[in-house]
Amino acid sequence: MYTDFFKNFNDQTEKQLEPYIKFNKLVTKNVEVMTELQLNAVRTYSEMGLTQMKAATEIKDATSFALFNSQQLNVLSKLSQQMTEDSNKLQNIAKEFKDDVEKLTSENLKTVNPA
């Protein structure tokens, strides 16, 4: 008698907590992807900055200064391109998360309000 009661209680508890568990997994996945994106961005921007600092220390005369300045447009172009790529990645991650949350919500609504 008690085993059936506890089994039913456990089954009901699992069913009630299932949406929360799915949502937590979804959020965890999203945080993991966002963290990876941010770490890669920090690494890339840091490398760009360090490369520029090293290049600036190589300036010894007017010729090397002119060469350094002529390379800045290329560096700014690469930086702009990297920022655009990172922004697109961020938008894709946000859209994917939104779609997953909407899917999870609709699944939960179907279980609550069967058609």
N, C-alpha and C. Protein backbone atom coordinates (compact mmCIF):
# COMPACT_ATOMS: atom_id res chain seq x y z
N MET A 1 0.81 -1.19 0.00
CA MET A 1 0.00 0.00 0.00
C MET A 1 0.86 1.26 0.00
N TYR A 2 1.83 1.30 0.92
CA TYR A 2 2.67 2.48 1.01
C TYR A 2 3.61 2.59 -0.19
N THR A 3 4.03 1.45 -0.71
CA THR A 3 4.94 1.50 -1.87
C THR A 3 4.24 2.10 -3.08
N ASP A 4 2.97 1.77 -3.27
CA ASP A 4 2.21 2.36 -4.38
C ASP A 4 2.04 3.86 -4.18
N PHE A 5 1.77 4.25 -2.94
CA PHE A 5 1.62 5.66 -2.63
C PHE A 5 2.90 6.43 -2.96
N PHE A 6 4.05 5.91 -2.49
CA PHE A 6 5.33 6.58 -2.74
C PHE A 6 5.71 6.56 -4.22
N LYS A 7 5.39 5.47 -4.88
CA LYS A 7 5.67 5.38 -6.31
C LYS A 7 4.86 6.44 -7.06
N ASN A 8 3.58 6.54 -6.74
CA ASN A 8 2.72 7.56 -7.38
C ASN A 8 3.21 8.97 -7.05
N PHE A 9 3.58 9.16 -5.80
CA PHE A 9 4.09 10.47 -5.39
C PHE A 9 5.35 10.83 -6.17
N ASN A 10 6.28 9.87 -6.30
CA ASN A 10 7.52 10.11 -7.05
C ASN A 10 7.23 10.39 -8.52
N ASP A 11 6.32 9.63 -9.10
CA ASP A 11 5.97 9.84 -10.51
C ASP A 11 5.37 11.23 -10.73
N GLN A 12 4.48 11.63 -9.85
CA GLN A 12 3.85 12.95 -9.97
C GLN A 12 4.87 14.07 -9.78
N THR A 13 5.77 13.88 -8.83
CA THR A 13 6.79 14.89 -8.58
C THR A 13 7.71 15.04 -9.78
N GLU A 14 8.10 13.91 -10.38
CA GLU A 14 8.95 13.96 -11.57
C GLU A 14 8.25 14.68 -12.71
N LYS A 15 6.97 14.41 -12.91
CA LYS A 15 6.22 15.07 -13.98
C LYS A 15 6.10 16.56 -13.73
N GLN A 16 5.92 16.95 -12.47
CA GLN A 16 5.79 18.37 -12.16
C GLN A 16 7.12 19.10 -12.30
N LEU A 17 8.22 18.43 -11.99
CA LEU A 17 9.52 19.09 -12.05
C LEU A 17 10.17 19.01 -13.43
N GLU A 18 9.65 18.18 -14.30
CA GLU A 18 10.26 17.99 -15.62
C GLU A 18 10.43 19.31 -16.40
N PRO A 19 9.43 20.19 -16.46
CA PRO A 19 9.62 21.45 -17.18
C PRO A 19 10.74 22.32 -16.58
N TYR A 20 10.85 22.33 -15.27
CA TYR A 20 11.90 23.11 -14.62
C TYR A 20 13.28 22.54 -14.95
N ILE A 21 13.37 21.23 -14.96
CA ILE A 21 14.65 20.58 -15.27
C ILE A 21 15.05 20.88 -16.71
N LYS A 22 14.08 20.77 -17.63
CA LYS A 22 14.37 21.07 -19.03
C LYS A 22 14.80 22.53 -19.20
N PHE A 23 14.11 23.43 -18.52
CA PHE A 23 14.45 24.84 -18.62
C PHE A 23 15.84 25.11 -18.05
N ASN A 24 16.16 24.50 -16.92
CA ASN A 24 17.49 24.67 -16.32
C ASN A 24 18.58 24.15 -17.25
N LYS A 25 18.34 23.03 -17.91
CA LYS A 25 19.32 22.50 -18.86
C LYS A 25 19.50 23.45 -20.03
N LEU A 26 18.40 24.02 -20.48
CA LEU A 26 18.44 24.98 -21.58
C LEU A 26 19.24 26.22 -21.20
N VAL A 27 18.99 26.74 -20.02
CA VAL A 27 19.72 27.92 -19.54
C VAL A 27 21.20 27.59 -19.37
N THR A 28 21.50 26.43 -18.82
CA THR A 28 22.89 26.02 -18.62
C THR A 28 23.62 25.93 -19.95
N LYS A 29 22.97 25.33 -20.94
CA LYS A 29 23.57 25.22 -22.28
C LYS A 29 23.83 26.61 -22.84
N ASN A 30 22.86 27.51 -22.68
CA ASN A 30 23.01 28.87 -23.20
C ASN A 30 24.15 29.61 -22.52
N VAL A 31 24.25 29.47 -21.21
CA VAL A 31 25.34 30.12 -20.47
C VAL A 31 26.69 29.56 -20.91
N GLU A 32 26.74 28.27 -21.15
CA GLU A 32 27.98 27.64 -21.60
C GLU A 32 28.41 28.19 -22.96
N VAL A 33 27.46 28.29 -23.89
CA VAL A 33 27.77 28.80 -25.23
C VAL A 33 28.17 30.27 -25.16
N MET A 34 27.46 31.05 -24.36
CA MET A 34 27.78 32.47 -24.21
C MET A 34 29.16 32.67 -23.59
N THR A 35 29.49 31.86 -22.60
CA THR A 35 30.79 31.96 -21.96
C THR A 35 31.90 31.64 -22.94
N GLU A 36 31.69 30.61 -23.74
CA GLU A 36 32.69 30.24 -24.74
C GLU A 36 32.88 31.36 -25.76
N LEU A 37 31.76 31.96 -26.20
CA LEU A 37 31.84 33.08 -27.14
C LEU A 37 32.60 34.25 -26.54
N GLN A 38 32.31 34.57 -25.30
CA GLN A 38 32.98 35.70 -24.65
C GLN A 38 34.46 35.42 -24.43
N LEU A 39 34.80 34.22 -24.03
CA LEU A 39 36.22 33.88 -23.84
C LEU A 39 36.99 33.96 -25.16
N ASN A 40 36.38 33.47 -26.22
CA ASN A 40 37.03 33.55 -27.53
C ASN A 40 37.18 35.00 -27.97
N ALA A 41 36.17 35.82 -27.71
CA ALA A 41 36.24 37.23 -28.07
C ALA A 41 37.34 37.94 -27.28
N VAL A 42 37.42 37.68 -25.99
CA VAL A 42 38.46 38.30 -25.16
C VAL A 42 39.84 37.87 -25.65
N ARG A 43 39.98 36.61 -25.97
CA ARG A 43 41.27 36.10 -26.46
C ARG A 43 41.65 36.80 -27.78
N THR A 44 40.71 36.88 -28.69
CA THR A 44 40.97 37.49 -29.99
C THR A 44 41.32 38.96 -29.85
N TYR A 45 40.52 39.70 -29.08
CA TYR A 45 40.77 41.14 -28.92
C TYR A 45 42.07 41.39 -28.16
N SER A 46 42.37 40.54 -27.20
CA SER A 46 43.63 40.69 -26.47
C SER A 46 44.82 40.46 -27.38
N GLU A 47 44.74 39.44 -28.23
CA GLU A 47 45.83 39.17 -29.16
C GLU A 47 46.01 40.33 -30.14
N MET A 48 44.90 40.88 -30.59
CA MET A 48 44.98 42.04 -31.50
C MET A 48 45.65 43.22 -30.80
N GLY A 49 45.24 43.48 -29.59
CA GLY A 49 45.81 44.60 -28.84
C GLY A 49 47.29 44.41 -28.55
N LEU A 50 47.65 43.19 -28.14
CA LEU A 50 49.07 42.92 -27.87
C LEU A 50 49.91 43.03 -29.13
N THR A 51 49.39 42.57 -30.24
CA THR A 51 50.11 42.68 -31.51
C THR A 51 50.33 44.14 -31.86
N GLN A 52 49.32 44.97 -31.63
CA GLN A 52 49.46 46.40 -31.91
C GLN A 52 50.46 47.07 -30.96
N MET A 53 50.44 46.66 -29.71
CA MET A 53 51.40 47.22 -28.76
C MET A 53 52.83 46.84 -29.14
N LYS A 54 53.02 45.59 -29.56
CA LYS A 54 54.35 45.16 -29.99
C LYS A 54 54.79 45.92 -31.23
N ALA A 55 53.85 46.11 -32.16
CA ALA A 55 54.17 46.86 -33.37
C ALA A 55 54.52 48.30 -33.04
N ALA A 56 53.86 48.88 -32.06
CA ALA A 56 54.14 50.26 -31.67
C ALA A 56 55.53 50.38 -31.04
N THR A 57 55.97 49.34 -30.36
CA THR A 57 57.30 49.40 -29.74
C THR A 57 58.42 49.30 -30.78
N GLU A 58 58.06 48.87 -31.98
CA GLU A 58 59.06 48.75 -33.05
C GLU A 58 59.28 50.07 -33.79
N ILE A 59 58.52 51.08 -33.45
CA ILE A 59 58.69 52.39 -34.10
C ILE A 59 59.98 53.02 -33.60
N LYS A 60 60.89 53.27 -34.55
CA LYS A 60 62.19 53.83 -34.19
C LYS A 60 62.50 55.11 -34.95
N ASP A 61 61.81 55.32 -36.06
CA ASP A 61 62.06 56.51 -36.87
C ASP A 61 60.79 56.87 -37.63
N ALA A 62 60.89 57.89 -38.46
CA ALA A 62 59.73 58.37 -39.20
C ALA A 62 59.23 57.33 -40.19
N THR A 63 60.12 56.56 -40.78
CA THR A 63 59.71 55.54 -41.75
C THR A 63 58.91 54.43 -41.07
N SER A 64 59.40 53.94 -39.95
CA SER A 64 58.68 52.89 -39.23
C SER A 64 57.36 53.42 -38.67
N PHE A 65 57.33 54.69 -38.31
CA PHE A 65 56.09 55.32 -37.84
C PHE A 65 55.07 55.39 -38.97
N ALA A 66 55.51 55.76 -40.15
CA ALA A 66 54.62 55.83 -41.31
C ALA A 66 54.11 54.44 -41.67
N LEU A 67 54.96 53.43 -41.59
CA LEU A 67 54.56 52.06 -41.86
C LEU A 67 53.51 51.59 -40.84
N PHE A 68 53.77 51.91 -39.59
CA PHE A 68 52.84 51.55 -38.51
C PHE A 68 51.47 52.19 -38.77
N ASN A 69 51.47 53.47 -39.10
CA ASN A 69 50.20 54.18 -39.36
C ASN A 69 49.48 53.61 -40.58
N SER A 70 50.23 53.21 -41.59
CA SER A 70 49.58 52.67 -42.79
C SER A 70 48.92 51.32 -42.49
N GLN A 71 49.40 50.61 -41.52
CA GLN A 71 48.83 49.31 -41.16
C GLN A 71 47.60 49.44 -40.26
N GLN A 72 47.39 50.60 -39.69
CA GLN A 72 46.28 50.78 -38.76
C GLN A 72 44.92 50.61 -39.42
N LEU A 73 44.78 51.04 -40.67
CA LEU A 73 43.50 50.88 -41.36
C LEU A 73 43.17 49.40 -41.53
N ASN A 74 44.17 48.60 -41.85
CA ASN A 74 43.98 47.16 -41.98
C ASN A 74 43.58 46.54 -40.64
N VAL A 75 44.23 46.98 -39.57
CA VAL A 75 43.92 46.46 -38.23
C VAL A 75 42.50 46.84 -37.82
N LEU A 76 42.12 48.08 -38.09
CA LEU A 76 40.77 48.52 -37.75
C LEU A 76 39.73 47.76 -38.58
N SER A 77 40.06 47.45 -39.80
CA SER A 77 39.15 46.66 -40.64
C SER A 77 38.97 45.26 -40.06
N LYS A 78 40.08 44.63 -39.65
CA LYS A 78 40.00 43.30 -39.03
C LYS A 78 39.19 43.35 -37.74
N LEU A 79 39.42 44.39 -36.95
CA LEU A 79 38.68 44.55 -35.69
C LEU A 79 37.19 44.70 -35.96
N SER A 80 36.85 45.53 -36.92
CA SER A 80 35.45 45.74 -37.27
C SER A 80 34.81 44.45 -37.76
N GLN A 81 35.53 43.70 -38.59
CA GLN A 81 35.02 42.44 -39.10
C GLN A 81 34.81 41.45 -37.95
N GLN A 82 35.74 41.38 -37.01
CA GLN A 82 35.63 40.46 -35.87
C GLN A 82 34.45 40.85 -34.99
N MET A 83 34.25 42.13 -34.78
CA MET A 83 33.13 42.58 -33.96
C MET A 83 31.79 42.25 -34.64
N THR A 84 31.75 42.38 -35.95
CA THR A 84 30.53 42.03 -36.68
C THR A 84 30.25 40.54 -36.58
N GLU A 85 31.28 39.72 -36.74
CA GLU A 85 31.11 38.27 -36.61
C GLU A 85 30.65 37.90 -35.21
N ASP A 86 31.24 38.51 -34.20
CA ASP A 86 30.84 38.22 -32.82
C ASP A 86 29.40 38.64 -32.56
N SER A 87 29.01 39.77 -33.12
CA SER A 87 27.64 40.25 -32.97
C SER A 87 26.66 39.29 -33.64
N ASN A 88 27.01 38.80 -34.81
CA ASN A 88 26.15 37.83 -35.50
C ASN A 88 26.03 36.54 -34.71
N LYS A 89 27.14 36.07 -34.16
CA LYS A 89 27.11 34.86 -33.34
C LYS A 89 26.21 35.06 -32.13
N LEU A 90 26.33 36.21 -31.50
CA LEU A 90 25.50 36.51 -30.33
C LEU A 90 24.02 36.54 -30.70
N GLN A 91 23.70 37.14 -31.83
CA GLN A 91 22.30 37.18 -32.28
C GLN A 91 21.78 35.76 -32.55
N ASN A 92 22.61 34.93 -33.16
CA ASN A 92 22.19 33.55 -33.43
C ASN A 92 21.96 32.77 -32.15
N ILE A 93 22.83 32.97 -31.17
CA ILE A 93 22.67 32.30 -29.88
C ILE A 93 21.38 32.74 -29.21
N ALA A 94 21.11 34.04 -29.24
CA ALA A 94 19.89 34.57 -28.61
C ALA A 94 18.65 34.05 -29.32
N LYS A 95 18.68 33.99 -30.65
CA LYS A 95 17.53 33.48 -31.41
C LYS A 95 17.31 32.00 -31.11
N GLU A 96 18.37 31.24 -31.07
CA GLU A 96 18.26 29.81 -30.77
C GLU A 96 17.67 29.60 -29.38
N PHE A 97 18.13 30.38 -28.40
CA PHE A 97 17.61 30.26 -27.04
C PHE A 97 16.12 30.61 -27.01
N LYS A 98 15.75 31.69 -27.69
CA LYS A 98 14.35 32.10 -27.74
C LYS A 98 13.49 31.01 -28.37
N ASP A 99 13.96 30.44 -29.47
CA ASP A 99 13.22 29.37 -30.14
C ASP A 99 13.07 28.14 -29.23
N ASP A 100 14.14 27.80 -28.53
CA ASP A 100 14.09 26.65 -27.63
C ASP A 100 13.12 26.89 -26.47
N VAL A 101 13.12 28.10 -25.93
CA VAL A 101 12.19 28.42 -24.84
C VAL A 101 10.75 28.38 -25.34
N GLU A 102 10.52 28.91 -26.54
CA GLU A 102 9.17 28.87 -27.09
C GLU A 102 8.72 27.43 -27.32
N LYS A 103 9.62 26.59 -27.82
CA LYS A 103 9.29 25.18 -28.05
C LYS A 103 8.97 24.50 -26.72
N LEU A 104 9.79 24.75 -25.71
CA LEU A 104 9.56 24.17 -24.39
C LEU A 104 8.22 24.63 -23.82
N THR A 105 7.92 25.91 -23.98
CA THR A 105 6.65 26.45 -23.48
C THR A 105 5.46 25.81 -24.18
N SER A 106 5.55 25.69 -25.50
CA SER A 106 4.42 25.08 -26.22
C SER A 106 4.25 23.61 -25.84
N GLU A 107 5.35 22.89 -25.63
CA GLU A 107 5.26 21.50 -25.19
C GLU A 107 4.57 21.41 -23.83
N ASN A 108 4.93 22.33 -22.93
CA ASN A 108 4.33 22.31 -21.59
C ASN A 108 2.87 22.67 -21.65
N LEU A 109 2.51 23.61 -22.54
CA LEU A 109 1.11 23.97 -22.66
C LEU A 109 0.28 22.81 -23.22
N LYS A 110 0.89 22.02 -24.11
CA LYS A 110 0.17 20.86 -24.66
C LYS A 110 -0.09 19.83 -23.57
N THR A 111 0.83 19.67 -22.65
CA THR A 111 0.63 18.69 -21.58
C THR A 111 -0.42 19.19 -20.58
N VAL A 112 -0.48 20.51 -20.39
CA VAL A 112 -1.46 21.06 -19.45
C VAL A 112 -2.85 21.12 -20.08
N ASN A 113 -2.89 21.56 -21.35
CA ASN A 113 -4.17 21.70 -22.07
C ASN A 113 -4.16 20.77 -23.29
N PRO A 114 -4.41 19.50 -23.12
CA PRO A 114 -4.41 18.61 -24.28
C PRO A 114 -5.47 19.01 -25.31
N ALA A 115 -5.12 18.90 -26.57
CA ALA A 115 -6.04 19.35 -27.64
C ALA A 115 -7.23 18.44 -27.80
